[in-house]
Amino acid sequence: MLVPVVADMLALRQIIGSPGSTTAHYFCTFCDLDYDDIEVFDWREWPAKDADHICYFARLWKDAACEHHQEDIFKACGVRWSALFGLPYWQPIIYSIIKSMHVLDLNLSQQHICNNFQINLSAKGGDGTAITPCPEKRKHVSSKIDQASLSTCIKVVKKNDPDLLYQFLKFNRKVLFTFCDDNKIKGENCNLLVGTRWVLANNIEAWVSVAIP
């Protein structure tokens, strides 16, 4: 019986079918926070991953008719098939463990504290000052192409087809994020607008079911 996978982050992500890069939109193996939301440190705002959702789309990726369909599924949900999904008892979230060597011995924790938390270790006390300022991420649509996609998204919402959720997954995150922000759509029990494309699409679908009967 195989239970945990213990590896460095890059190897772990490839083994479990996640995006290989830690800067991908689906950057976390434990929550559905988007890379554009990486500055959100309040864990209560982090959308929890759903193991059933991961396994469902992994199998959908495996059974896709062609590589083009597989790529569409991967872009929308950040999941590929892994042989580990064939084990009925294997849990892709709690069985994914990062090696302590890479967390501690290679100074990744120090890197995280200094650059992500922006704590100056040379300061005598207090929180210190930022070593490098966090770049402001452009989460809203700005290009003409994205603006056109946003207009199409609004039409899709008004049409409200039965496969509405999967139609939303055709739009990039900026479009979905902007639509959510314009209509004050947030996840249940969330104070901030955060989440991957899958999370935002689900939030919009839930909103549509109430706003557009």
N, C-alpha and C. Protein backbone atom coordinates (compact mmCIF):
# COMPACT_ATOMS: atom_id res chain seq x y z
N MET A 1 0.85 -1.20 0.00
CA MET A 1 0.00 0.00 0.00
C MET A 1 0.88 1.24 0.00
N LEU A 2 0.61 2.15 -0.92
CA LEU A 2 1.37 3.39 -1.03
C LEU A 2 0.55 4.53 -0.46
N VAL A 3 1.13 5.29 0.49
CA VAL A 3 0.36 6.37 1.10
C VAL A 3 0.97 7.72 0.75
N PRO A 4 1.99 8.22 1.48
CA PRO A 4 2.47 9.58 1.17
C PRO A 4 3.49 9.60 0.04
N VAL A 5 3.57 10.73 -0.62
CA VAL A 5 4.64 11.00 -1.58
C VAL A 5 5.51 12.08 -0.95
N VAL A 6 6.77 11.76 -0.71
CA VAL A 6 7.69 12.71 -0.09
C VAL A 6 8.71 13.12 -1.14
N ALA A 7 8.73 14.39 -1.50
CA ALA A 7 9.62 14.86 -2.56
C ALA A 7 9.77 16.37 -2.47
N ASP A 8 10.69 16.91 -3.27
CA ASP A 8 10.76 18.36 -3.35
C ASP A 8 9.55 18.85 -4.16
N MET A 9 9.27 20.14 -4.09
CA MET A 9 8.05 20.70 -4.64
C MET A 9 7.90 20.42 -6.13
N LEU A 10 8.97 20.61 -6.92
CA LEU A 10 8.86 20.43 -8.36
C LEU A 10 8.56 18.98 -8.73
N ALA A 11 9.28 18.04 -8.08
CA ALA A 11 9.04 16.63 -8.36
C ALA A 11 7.65 16.21 -7.89
N LEU A 12 7.26 16.68 -6.72
CA LEU A 12 5.95 16.33 -6.17
C LEU A 12 4.83 16.75 -7.11
N ARG A 13 4.91 17.98 -7.61
CA ARG A 13 3.86 18.49 -8.47
C ARG A 13 3.74 17.66 -9.75
N GLN A 14 4.86 17.22 -10.30
CA GLN A 14 4.81 16.40 -11.51
C GLN A 14 4.24 15.02 -11.22
N ILE A 15 4.58 14.48 -10.05
CA ILE A 15 4.12 13.13 -9.69
C ILE A 15 2.60 13.10 -9.52
N ILE A 16 2.04 14.14 -8.90
CA ILE A 16 0.61 14.13 -8.59
C ILE A 16 -0.23 14.79 -9.69
N GLY A 17 0.40 15.18 -10.81
CA GLY A 17 -0.36 15.70 -11.94
C GLY A 17 -0.66 17.18 -11.89
N SER A 18 -0.01 17.93 -11.00
CA SER A 18 -0.21 19.37 -10.92
C SER A 18 0.74 20.09 -11.87
N PRO A 19 0.54 21.39 -12.13
CA PRO A 19 1.49 22.14 -12.97
C PRO A 19 2.90 22.05 -12.40
N GLY A 20 3.88 21.86 -13.28
CA GLY A 20 5.24 21.67 -12.82
C GLY A 20 5.87 22.90 -12.19
N SER A 21 5.42 24.08 -12.61
CA SER A 21 6.01 25.32 -12.10
C SER A 21 5.30 25.79 -10.84
N THR A 22 6.08 26.25 -9.87
CA THR A 22 5.49 26.78 -8.64
C THR A 22 4.94 28.19 -8.84
N THR A 23 5.14 28.76 -10.03
CA THR A 23 4.57 30.08 -10.32
C THR A 23 3.34 29.96 -11.22
N ALA A 24 2.84 28.75 -11.41
CA ALA A 24 1.62 28.55 -12.19
C ALA A 24 0.43 29.11 -11.41
N HIS A 25 -0.68 29.36 -12.10
CA HIS A 25 -1.86 29.88 -11.41
C HIS A 25 -2.29 28.91 -10.30
N TYR A 26 -2.23 27.60 -10.58
CA TYR A 26 -2.53 26.60 -9.56
C TYR A 26 -1.23 26.26 -8.85
N PHE A 27 -0.78 27.17 -7.99
CA PHE A 27 0.57 27.04 -7.43
C PHE A 27 0.62 26.24 -6.15
N CYS A 28 -0.53 26.03 -5.49
CA CYS A 28 -0.53 25.38 -4.18
C CYS A 28 -1.08 23.96 -4.28
N THR A 29 -0.49 23.03 -3.54
CA THR A 29 -0.96 21.65 -3.54
C THR A 29 -1.99 21.40 -2.44
N PHE A 30 -2.27 22.41 -1.61
CA PHE A 30 -3.19 22.21 -0.49
C PHE A 30 -4.44 23.07 -0.57
N CYS A 31 -4.40 24.18 -1.29
CA CYS A 31 -5.59 25.05 -1.39
C CYS A 31 -5.76 25.51 -2.82
N ASP A 32 -6.90 26.14 -3.10
CA ASP A 32 -7.19 26.64 -4.44
C ASP A 32 -7.00 28.14 -4.53
N LEU A 33 -6.04 28.66 -3.79
CA LEU A 33 -5.65 30.05 -3.95
C LEU A 33 -4.92 30.20 -5.28
N ASP A 34 -5.19 31.25 -6.01
CA ASP A 34 -4.52 31.49 -7.28
C ASP A 34 -3.20 32.21 -7.05
N TYR A 35 -2.27 32.05 -7.98
CA TYR A 35 -0.96 32.71 -7.84
C TYR A 35 -1.11 34.23 -7.76
N ASP A 36 -2.14 34.77 -8.40
CA ASP A 36 -2.38 36.21 -8.31
C ASP A 36 -2.80 36.64 -6.92
N ASP A 37 -3.19 35.67 -6.08
CA ASP A 37 -3.61 35.96 -4.70
C ASP A 37 -2.53 35.58 -3.69
N ILE A 38 -1.30 35.44 -4.13
CA ILE A 38 -0.27 34.89 -3.26
C ILE A 38 0.04 35.79 -2.07
N GLU A 39 -0.38 37.06 -2.15
CA GLU A 39 -0.13 37.98 -1.03
C GLU A 39 -1.16 37.84 0.08
N VAL A 40 -2.17 36.98 -0.11
CA VAL A 40 -3.21 36.78 0.91
C VAL A 40 -2.69 35.78 1.94
N PHE A 41 -2.35 36.26 3.14
CA PHE A 41 -1.75 35.41 4.17
C PHE A 41 -2.77 34.90 5.18
N ASP A 42 -4.00 35.35 5.11
CA ASP A 42 -5.03 34.89 6.04
C ASP A 42 -5.55 33.54 5.57
N TRP A 43 -5.17 32.48 6.26
CA TRP A 43 -5.52 31.12 5.82
C TRP A 43 -7.03 30.90 5.79
N ARG A 44 -7.78 31.71 6.53
CA ARG A 44 -9.24 31.57 6.53
C ARG A 44 -9.85 31.98 5.20
N GLU A 45 -9.08 32.69 4.38
CA GLU A 45 -9.56 33.12 3.07
C GLU A 45 -9.13 32.17 1.95
N TRP A 46 -8.39 31.12 2.30
CA TRP A 46 -7.89 30.20 1.28
C TRP A 46 -8.96 29.16 0.94
N PRO A 47 -9.42 29.08 -0.30
CA PRO A 47 -10.40 28.05 -0.68
C PRO A 47 -9.77 26.66 -0.57
N ALA A 48 -10.45 25.76 0.09
CA ALA A 48 -9.91 24.41 0.27
C ALA A 48 -10.01 23.61 -1.02
N LYS A 49 -8.99 22.81 -1.30
CA LYS A 49 -9.06 21.92 -2.46
C LYS A 49 -10.06 20.81 -2.18
N ASP A 50 -10.64 20.30 -3.24
CA ASP A 50 -11.61 19.21 -3.15
C ASP A 50 -10.99 17.98 -3.82
N ALA A 51 -10.73 16.93 -3.04
CA ALA A 51 -10.09 15.73 -3.58
C ALA A 51 -10.94 15.07 -4.66
N ASP A 52 -12.26 15.07 -4.48
CA ASP A 52 -13.15 14.46 -5.48
C ASP A 52 -13.07 15.24 -6.80
N HIS A 53 -12.99 16.57 -6.69
CA HIS A 53 -12.87 17.41 -7.88
C HIS A 53 -11.57 17.11 -8.62
N ILE A 54 -10.47 16.97 -7.87
CA ILE A 54 -9.17 16.68 -8.48
C ILE A 54 -9.21 15.35 -9.21
N CYS A 55 -9.73 14.31 -8.56
CA CYS A 55 -9.78 12.98 -9.17
C CYS A 55 -10.71 12.96 -10.38
N TYR A 56 -11.81 13.70 -10.31
CA TYR A 56 -12.76 13.72 -11.43
C TYR A 56 -12.11 14.29 -12.68
N PHE A 57 -11.45 15.44 -12.54
CA PHE A 57 -10.86 16.07 -13.71
C PHE A 57 -9.59 15.35 -14.16
N ALA A 58 -8.92 14.66 -13.25
CA ALA A 58 -7.77 13.84 -13.64
C ALA A 58 -8.22 12.71 -14.55
N ARG A 59 -9.34 12.08 -14.21
CA ARG A 59 -9.87 11.01 -15.05
C ARG A 59 -10.42 11.57 -16.36
N LEU A 60 -11.00 12.76 -16.29
CA LEU A 60 -11.49 13.40 -17.50
C LEU A 60 -10.32 13.69 -18.44
N TRP A 61 -9.19 14.12 -17.87
CA TRP A 61 -7.98 14.38 -18.66
C TRP A 61 -7.49 13.07 -19.29
N LYS A 62 -7.49 12.00 -18.49
CA LYS A 62 -7.01 10.71 -18.99
C LYS A 62 -7.85 10.19 -20.15
N ASP A 63 -9.17 10.38 -20.06
CA ASP A 63 -10.09 9.83 -21.06
C ASP A 63 -10.38 10.80 -22.20
N ALA A 64 -9.70 11.95 -22.22
CA ALA A 64 -9.95 12.94 -23.27
C ALA A 64 -9.63 12.35 -24.65
N ALA A 65 -10.37 12.84 -25.65
CA ALA A 65 -10.24 12.28 -26.99
C ALA A 65 -8.92 12.63 -27.66
N CYS A 66 -8.32 13.76 -27.29
CA CYS A 66 -7.08 14.18 -27.94
C CYS A 66 -6.27 15.07 -27.00
N GLU A 67 -5.04 15.37 -27.41
CA GLU A 67 -4.17 16.20 -26.59
C GLU A 67 -4.72 17.63 -26.45
N HIS A 68 -5.41 18.11 -27.48
CA HIS A 68 -6.00 19.45 -27.41
C HIS A 68 -7.02 19.53 -26.28
N HIS A 69 -7.87 18.51 -26.15
CA HIS A 69 -8.85 18.48 -25.07
C HIS A 69 -8.16 18.36 -23.71
N GLN A 70 -7.10 17.58 -23.66
CA GLN A 70 -6.35 17.46 -22.41
C GLN A 70 -5.76 18.80 -21.99
N GLU A 71 -5.26 19.54 -22.95
CA GLU A 71 -4.67 20.84 -22.65
C GLU A 71 -5.74 21.81 -22.15
N ASP A 72 -6.94 21.75 -22.73
CA ASP A 72 -8.04 22.61 -22.28
C ASP A 72 -8.41 22.29 -20.83
N ILE A 73 -8.47 21.01 -20.50
CA ILE A 73 -8.81 20.60 -19.14
C ILE A 73 -7.73 21.05 -18.16
N PHE A 74 -6.49 20.91 -18.58
CA PHE A 74 -5.37 21.28 -17.70
C PHE A 74 -5.35 22.78 -17.46
N LYS A 75 -5.59 23.58 -18.50
CA LYS A 75 -5.60 25.03 -18.35
C LYS A 75 -6.74 25.48 -17.44
N ALA A 76 -7.88 24.81 -17.56
CA ALA A 76 -9.05 25.21 -16.79
C ALA A 76 -8.99 24.77 -15.33
N CYS A 77 -8.41 23.61 -15.07
CA CYS A 77 -8.49 23.03 -13.73
C CYS A 77 -7.14 22.72 -13.08
N GLY A 78 -6.04 22.79 -13.86
CA GLY A 78 -4.73 22.56 -13.28
C GLY A 78 -4.48 21.13 -12.84
N VAL A 79 -5.08 20.16 -13.55
CA VAL A 79 -4.95 18.75 -13.16
C VAL A 79 -4.64 17.89 -14.38
N ARG A 80 -3.66 17.00 -14.23
CA ARG A 80 -3.41 15.95 -15.21
C ARG A 80 -3.57 14.60 -14.50
N TRP A 81 -3.64 13.55 -15.31
CA TRP A 81 -3.74 12.21 -14.74
C TRP A 81 -2.41 11.78 -14.15
N SER A 82 -2.46 11.13 -13.01
CA SER A 82 -1.30 10.50 -12.40
C SER A 82 -1.70 9.06 -12.06
N ALA A 83 -0.75 8.15 -12.19
CA ALA A 83 -1.05 6.75 -11.87
C ALA A 83 -1.52 6.59 -10.43
N LEU A 84 -1.15 7.53 -9.58
CA LEU A 84 -1.57 7.46 -8.17
C LEU A 84 -3.08 7.57 -8.03
N PHE A 85 -3.73 8.23 -8.99
CA PHE A 85 -5.20 8.35 -8.92
C PHE A 85 -5.87 7.00 -9.12
N GLY A 86 -5.14 6.03 -9.61
CA GLY A 86 -5.68 4.68 -9.76
C GLY A 86 -5.79 3.94 -8.45
N LEU A 87 -5.18 4.47 -7.39
CA LEU A 87 -5.27 3.86 -6.06
C LEU A 87 -6.49 4.44 -5.35
N PRO A 88 -7.51 3.66 -5.08
CA PRO A 88 -8.77 4.20 -4.53
C PRO A 88 -8.62 4.84 -3.16
N TYR A 89 -7.57 4.48 -2.42
CA TYR A 89 -7.39 5.01 -1.06
C TYR A 89 -6.47 6.23 -1.02
N TRP A 90 -5.87 6.58 -2.17
CA TRP A 90 -4.85 7.63 -2.16
C TRP A 90 -5.50 9.01 -2.18
N GLN A 91 -5.07 9.90 -1.29
CA GLN A 91 -5.60 11.25 -1.17
C GLN A 91 -4.57 12.26 -1.69
N PRO A 92 -4.85 12.93 -2.81
CA PRO A 92 -3.85 13.81 -3.44
C PRO A 92 -3.48 15.03 -2.61
N ILE A 93 -4.27 15.38 -1.61
CA ILE A 93 -3.98 16.57 -0.81
C ILE A 93 -3.16 16.21 0.43
N ILE A 94 -3.67 15.32 1.25
CA ILE A 94 -3.00 15.03 2.53
C ILE A 94 -1.82 14.08 2.37
N TYR A 95 -1.70 13.39 1.22
CA TYR A 95 -0.58 12.47 1.02
C TYR A 95 0.57 13.11 0.25
N SER A 96 0.52 14.42 0.05
CA SER A 96 1.59 15.13 -0.65
C SER A 96 2.44 15.88 0.37
N ILE A 97 3.68 15.44 0.56
CA ILE A 97 4.52 15.96 1.64
C ILE A 97 5.82 16.52 1.05
N ILE A 98 6.19 17.72 1.49
CA ILE A 98 7.43 18.35 1.02
C ILE A 98 8.59 17.92 1.91
N LYS A 99 9.69 17.54 1.29
CA LYS A 99 10.86 17.10 2.05
C LYS A 99 11.41 18.24 2.92
N SER A 100 11.71 17.90 4.16
CA SER A 100 12.22 18.92 5.08
C SER A 100 13.55 19.49 4.61
N MET A 101 14.34 18.70 3.87
CA MET A 101 15.63 19.19 3.38
C MET A 101 15.44 20.44 2.53
N HIS A 102 14.41 20.42 1.67
CA HIS A 102 14.19 21.55 0.78
C HIS A 102 13.52 22.71 1.49
N VAL A 103 12.80 22.42 2.56
CA VAL A 103 12.13 23.49 3.30
C VAL A 103 13.12 24.21 4.22
N LEU A 104 14.01 23.45 4.86
CA LEU A 104 14.89 24.02 5.88
C LEU A 104 16.34 24.13 5.42
N ASP A 105 16.94 23.02 5.00
CA ASP A 105 18.37 23.00 4.73
C ASP A 105 18.77 23.88 3.55
N LEU A 106 17.89 24.06 2.58
CA LEU A 106 18.22 24.88 1.42
C LEU A 106 17.74 26.32 1.57
N ASN A 107 17.36 26.68 2.79
CA ASN A 107 16.99 28.07 3.13
C ASN A 107 15.73 28.55 2.43
N LEU A 108 14.86 27.63 2.04
CA LEU A 108 13.61 28.06 1.42
C LEU A 108 12.72 28.78 2.42
N SER A 109 12.77 28.36 3.68
CA SER A 109 11.98 29.04 4.71
C SER A 109 12.45 30.48 4.88
N GLN A 110 13.77 30.67 4.87
CA GLN A 110 14.32 32.02 4.99
C GLN A 110 13.91 32.87 3.79
N GLN A 111 13.95 32.26 2.61
CA GLN A 111 13.54 32.97 1.40
C GLN A 111 12.06 33.38 1.51
N HIS A 112 11.25 32.48 2.02
CA HIS A 112 9.82 32.75 2.15
C HIS A 112 9.57 33.88 3.14
N ILE A 113 10.29 33.84 4.26
CA ILE A 113 10.10 34.85 5.30
C ILE A 113 10.56 36.22 4.82
N CYS A 114 11.71 36.27 4.16
CA CYS A 114 12.29 37.56 3.75
C CYS A 114 11.53 38.17 2.57
N ASN A 115 11.25 37.36 1.54
CA ASN A 115 10.68 37.92 0.32
C ASN A 115 9.16 37.91 0.29
N ASN A 116 8.53 36.85 0.85
CA ASN A 116 7.07 36.79 0.81
C ASN A 116 6.44 37.53 1.99
N PHE A 117 6.95 37.25 3.21
CA PHE A 117 6.42 37.94 4.38
C PHE A 117 7.05 39.31 4.55
N GLN A 118 8.16 39.57 3.81
CA GLN A 118 8.85 40.86 3.83
C GLN A 118 9.29 41.25 5.24
N ILE A 119 9.89 40.30 5.94
CA ILE A 119 10.43 40.55 7.28
C ILE A 119 11.94 40.70 7.17
N ASN A 120 12.45 41.82 7.66
CA ASN A 120 13.88 42.10 7.61
C ASN A 120 14.55 41.48 8.83
N LEU A 121 15.33 40.43 8.60
CA LEU A 121 15.95 39.70 9.70
C LEU A 121 17.04 40.50 10.39
N SER A 122 17.55 41.55 9.75
CA SER A 122 18.62 42.36 10.35
C SER A 122 18.07 43.45 11.26
N ALA A 123 16.75 43.65 11.25
CA ALA A 123 16.16 44.67 12.12
C ALA A 123 16.23 44.22 13.58
N LYS A 124 16.40 45.16 14.49
CA LYS A 124 16.55 44.81 15.91
C LYS A 124 15.26 44.27 16.51
N GLY A 125 14.13 44.72 16.05
CA GLY A 125 12.87 44.24 16.60
C GLY A 125 11.71 44.67 15.74
N GLY A 126 10.52 44.29 16.14
CA GLY A 126 9.34 44.64 15.37
C GLY A 126 9.23 43.80 14.11
N ASP A 127 8.44 44.24 13.17
CA ASP A 127 8.22 43.48 11.94
C ASP A 127 9.30 43.75 10.89
N GLY A 128 10.13 44.77 11.12
CA GLY A 128 11.17 45.08 10.14
C GLY A 128 10.60 45.82 8.95
N THR A 129 11.40 45.98 7.95
CA THR A 129 10.97 46.68 6.73
C THR A 129 11.08 45.74 5.55
N ALA A 130 10.36 46.05 4.50
CA ALA A 130 10.36 45.20 3.31
C ALA A 130 11.71 45.25 2.62
N ILE A 131 12.24 44.07 2.29
CA ILE A 131 13.49 44.00 1.54
C ILE A 131 13.23 44.34 0.08
N THR A 132 12.19 43.73 -0.46
CA THR A 132 11.78 44.03 -1.83
C THR A 132 10.27 44.19 -1.82
N PRO A 133 9.77 45.26 -2.43
CA PRO A 133 8.32 45.45 -2.42
C PRO A 133 7.63 44.40 -3.28
N CYS A 134 6.44 43.98 -2.86
CA CYS A 134 5.66 43.03 -3.64
C CYS A 134 5.13 43.73 -4.89
N PRO A 135 5.37 43.18 -6.06
CA PRO A 135 4.83 43.80 -7.27
C PRO A 135 3.31 43.69 -7.28
N GLU A 136 2.66 44.76 -7.68
CA GLU A 136 1.21 44.75 -7.74
C GLU A 136 0.76 43.98 -8.97
N LYS A 137 -0.03 42.93 -8.76
CA LYS A 137 -0.48 42.10 -9.86
C LYS A 137 -1.73 42.70 -10.49
N ARG A 138 -1.77 42.67 -11.80
CA ARG A 138 -2.94 43.18 -12.52
C ARG A 138 -3.95 42.05 -12.65
N LYS A 139 -4.97 42.11 -11.80
CA LYS A 139 -5.94 41.04 -11.76
C LYS A 139 -7.13 41.29 -12.68
N HIS A 140 -7.36 42.54 -13.06
CA HIS A 140 -8.51 42.88 -13.88
C HIS A 140 -8.14 42.90 -15.36
N VAL A 141 -9.16 42.83 -16.19
CA VAL A 141 -8.92 42.85 -17.63
C VAL A 141 -8.37 44.22 -18.02
N SER A 142 -7.47 44.22 -18.98
CA SER A 142 -6.89 45.47 -19.46
C SER A 142 -6.78 45.49 -20.98
N SER A 143 -6.50 44.36 -21.60
CA SER A 143 -6.34 44.32 -23.05
C SER A 143 -7.70 44.32 -23.74
N LYS A 144 -7.70 44.69 -24.99
CA LYS A 144 -8.94 44.70 -25.77
C LYS A 144 -9.49 43.29 -25.93
N ILE A 145 -8.59 42.31 -26.02
CA ILE A 145 -9.04 40.92 -26.17
C ILE A 145 -9.79 40.48 -24.91
N ASP A 146 -9.23 40.79 -23.74
CA ASP A 146 -9.88 40.41 -22.48
C ASP A 146 -11.19 41.17 -22.29
N GLN A 147 -11.22 42.42 -22.71
CA GLN A 147 -12.46 43.20 -22.61
C GLN A 147 -13.56 42.59 -23.49
N ALA A 148 -13.16 42.12 -24.65
CA ALA A 148 -14.13 41.46 -25.53
C ALA A 148 -14.60 40.15 -24.90
N SER A 149 -13.68 39.42 -24.26
CA SER A 149 -14.03 38.17 -23.58
C SER A 149 -14.98 38.44 -22.42
N LEU A 150 -14.77 39.55 -21.74
CA LEU A 150 -15.66 39.92 -20.63
C LEU A 150 -17.08 40.16 -21.14
N SER A 151 -17.19 40.83 -22.27
CA SER A 151 -18.51 41.07 -22.87
C SER A 151 -19.18 39.74 -23.25
N THR A 152 -18.38 38.81 -23.77
CA THR A 152 -18.91 37.49 -24.10
C THR A 152 -19.34 36.76 -22.85
N CYS A 153 -18.57 36.89 -21.77
CA CYS A 153 -18.90 36.25 -20.50
C CYS A 153 -20.25 36.76 -19.98
N ILE A 154 -20.48 38.04 -20.10
CA ILE A 154 -21.75 38.63 -19.65
C ILE A 154 -22.91 38.04 -20.45
N LYS A 155 -22.72 37.85 -21.75
CA LYS A 155 -23.76 37.24 -22.58
C LYS A 155 -24.01 35.80 -22.17
N VAL A 156 -22.94 35.07 -21.84
CA VAL A 156 -23.08 33.68 -21.39
C VAL A 156 -23.89 33.62 -20.10
N VAL A 157 -23.64 34.55 -19.20
CA VAL A 157 -24.38 34.60 -17.94
C VAL A 157 -25.86 34.83 -18.20
N LYS A 158 -26.17 35.78 -19.06
CA LYS A 158 -27.57 36.10 -19.35
C LYS A 158 -28.28 34.93 -20.03
N LYS A 159 -27.53 34.19 -20.85
CA LYS A 159 -28.13 33.04 -21.55
C LYS A 159 -28.41 31.91 -20.57
N ASN A 160 -27.49 31.70 -19.61
CA ASN A 160 -27.70 30.74 -18.51
C ASN A 160 -28.02 29.33 -19.01
N ASP A 161 -27.14 28.78 -19.84
CA ASP A 161 -27.31 27.42 -20.34
C ASP A 161 -27.06 26.40 -19.23
N PRO A 162 -27.52 25.15 -19.40
CA PRO A 162 -27.32 24.12 -18.37
C PRO A 162 -25.84 23.83 -18.08
N ASP A 163 -24.98 23.99 -19.10
CA ASP A 163 -23.55 23.73 -18.90
C ASP A 163 -22.79 25.02 -18.60
N LEU A 164 -23.44 25.92 -17.87
CA LEU A 164 -22.88 27.25 -17.60
C LEU A 164 -21.50 27.18 -16.96
N LEU A 165 -21.33 26.30 -15.97
CA LEU A 165 -20.06 26.20 -15.26
C LEU A 165 -18.91 25.92 -16.21
N TYR A 166 -19.10 24.99 -17.13
CA TYR A 166 -18.02 24.61 -18.04
C TYR A 166 -17.80 25.67 -19.12
N GLN A 167 -18.82 26.46 -19.42
CA GLN A 167 -18.62 27.58 -20.32
C GLN A 167 -17.73 28.64 -19.67
N PHE A 168 -17.88 28.83 -18.36
CA PHE A 168 -17.04 29.79 -17.65
C PHE A 168 -15.57 29.40 -17.72
N LEU A 169 -15.28 28.12 -17.72
CA LEU A 169 -13.89 27.65 -17.72
C LEU A 169 -13.17 27.96 -19.02
N LYS A 170 -13.90 28.41 -20.02
CA LYS A 170 -13.27 28.79 -21.29
C LYS A 170 -12.65 30.19 -21.20
N PHE A 171 -13.04 30.95 -20.18
CA PHE A 171 -12.51 32.31 -20.02
C PHE A 171 -11.29 32.28 -19.09
N ASN A 172 -10.34 33.19 -19.31
CA ASN A 172 -9.18 33.22 -18.44
C ASN A 172 -9.55 33.83 -17.09
N ARG A 173 -8.64 33.75 -16.14
CA ARG A 173 -8.95 34.16 -14.78
C ARG A 173 -9.24 35.66 -14.67
N LYS A 174 -8.54 36.48 -15.44
CA LYS A 174 -8.76 37.92 -15.36
C LYS A 174 -10.21 38.27 -15.70
N VAL A 175 -10.75 37.59 -16.70
CA VAL A 175 -12.13 37.85 -17.10
C VAL A 175 -13.09 37.46 -15.98
N LEU A 176 -12.90 36.27 -15.42
CA LEU A 176 -13.77 35.80 -14.34
C LEU A 176 -13.60 36.67 -13.09
N PHE A 177 -12.36 37.05 -12.80
CA PHE A 177 -12.10 37.88 -11.63
C PHE A 177 -12.80 39.24 -11.78
N THR A 178 -12.69 39.84 -12.96
CA THR A 178 -13.31 41.14 -13.19
C THR A 178 -14.83 41.05 -13.09
N PHE A 179 -15.40 39.97 -13.64
CA PHE A 179 -16.85 39.80 -13.54
C PHE A 179 -17.27 39.67 -12.08
N CYS A 180 -16.52 38.89 -11.31
CA CYS A 180 -16.83 38.73 -9.89
C CYS A 180 -16.72 40.06 -9.15
N ASP A 181 -15.67 40.80 -9.44
CA ASP A 181 -15.45 42.07 -8.75
C ASP A 181 -16.53 43.08 -9.11
N ASP A 182 -16.93 43.12 -10.38
CA ASP A 182 -17.96 44.06 -10.82
C ASP A 182 -19.32 43.76 -10.18
N ASN A 183 -19.56 42.49 -9.89
CA ASN A 183 -20.86 42.08 -9.36
C ASN A 183 -20.79 41.69 -7.87
N LYS A 184 -19.65 42.01 -7.23
CA LYS A 184 -19.48 41.75 -5.79
C LYS A 184 -19.72 40.28 -5.45
N ILE A 185 -19.16 39.40 -6.25
CA ILE A 185 -19.32 37.96 -6.04
C ILE A 185 -18.10 37.42 -5.31
N LYS A 186 -18.33 36.83 -4.15
CA LYS A 186 -17.25 36.21 -3.38
C LYS A 186 -17.69 34.81 -2.96
N GLY A 187 -16.72 34.01 -2.56
CA GLY A 187 -17.05 32.68 -2.10
C GLY A 187 -17.81 32.72 -0.78
N GLU A 188 -18.44 31.62 -0.46
CA GLU A 188 -19.20 31.53 0.78
C GLU A 188 -18.27 31.72 1.98
N ASN A 189 -18.68 32.59 2.90
CA ASN A 189 -17.92 32.89 4.12
C ASN A 189 -16.56 33.53 3.83
N CYS A 190 -16.38 34.15 2.66
CA CYS A 190 -15.13 34.81 2.30
C CYS A 190 -15.30 36.33 2.33
N ASN A 191 -14.30 37.01 2.84
CA ASN A 191 -14.29 38.47 2.84
C ASN A 191 -13.52 39.03 1.66
N LEU A 192 -12.67 38.20 1.05
CA LEU A 192 -11.84 38.63 -0.07
C LEU A 192 -12.22 37.86 -1.33
N LEU A 193 -11.97 38.46 -2.46
CA LEU A 193 -12.19 37.81 -3.75
C LEU A 193 -10.90 37.09 -4.13
N VAL A 194 -10.87 35.79 -3.92
CA VAL A 194 -9.68 34.99 -4.19
C VAL A 194 -10.09 33.68 -4.84
N GLY A 195 -9.11 32.96 -5.37
CA GLY A 195 -9.36 31.63 -5.89
C GLY A 195 -8.91 31.46 -7.33
N THR A 196 -8.75 30.20 -7.71
CA THR A 196 -8.36 29.85 -9.07
C THR A 196 -9.55 30.03 -10.01
N ARG A 197 -9.31 29.80 -11.28
CA ARG A 197 -10.37 29.93 -12.28
C ARG A 197 -11.55 29.01 -11.93
N TRP A 198 -11.25 27.81 -11.46
CA TRP A 198 -12.31 26.86 -11.09
C TRP A 198 -13.15 27.41 -9.94
N VAL A 199 -12.51 28.00 -8.94
CA VAL A 199 -13.23 28.56 -7.80
C VAL A 199 -14.11 29.72 -8.24
N LEU A 200 -13.56 30.64 -9.04
CA LEU A 200 -14.33 31.79 -9.49
C LEU A 200 -15.52 31.36 -10.35
N ALA A 201 -15.30 30.37 -11.21
CA ALA A 201 -16.39 29.87 -12.07
C ALA A 201 -17.53 29.30 -11.23
N ASN A 202 -17.18 28.55 -10.19
CA ASN A 202 -18.20 28.00 -9.30
C ASN A 202 -18.94 29.10 -8.54
N ASN A 203 -18.20 30.12 -8.11
CA ASN A 203 -18.84 31.24 -7.40
C ASN A 203 -19.83 31.97 -8.30
N ILE A 204 -19.45 32.16 -9.56
CA ILE A 204 -20.35 32.85 -10.49
C ILE A 204 -21.59 32.00 -10.75
N GLU A 205 -21.39 30.69 -10.94
CA GLU A 205 -22.54 29.81 -11.18
C GLU A 205 -23.52 29.85 -10.02
N ALA A 206 -23.00 29.83 -8.79
CA ALA A 206 -23.87 29.91 -7.62
C ALA A 206 -24.61 31.24 -7.58
N TRP A 207 -23.92 32.31 -7.95
CA TRP A 207 -24.55 33.64 -7.98
C TRP A 207 -25.63 33.71 -9.04
N VAL A 208 -25.37 33.14 -10.21
CA VAL A 208 -26.35 33.16 -11.29
C VAL A 208 -27.62 32.41 -10.90
N SER A 209 -27.48 31.28 -10.18
CA SER A 209 -28.64 30.49 -9.79
C SER A 209 -29.59 31.28 -8.90
N VAL A 210 -29.07 32.32 -8.22
CA VAL A 210 -29.91 33.16 -7.36
C VAL A 210 -30.33 34.41 -8.09
N ALA A 211 -29.39 35.04 -8.81
CA ALA A 211 -29.68 36.31 -9.47
C ALA A 211 -30.52 36.16 -10.72
N ILE A 212 -30.34 35.03 -11.42
CA ILE A 212 -31.07 34.81 -12.68
C ILE A 212 -31.82 33.49 -12.58
N PRO A 213 -33.03 33.48 -12.06
CA PRO A 213 -33.79 32.22 -11.89
C PRO A 213 -34.10 31.58 -13.25
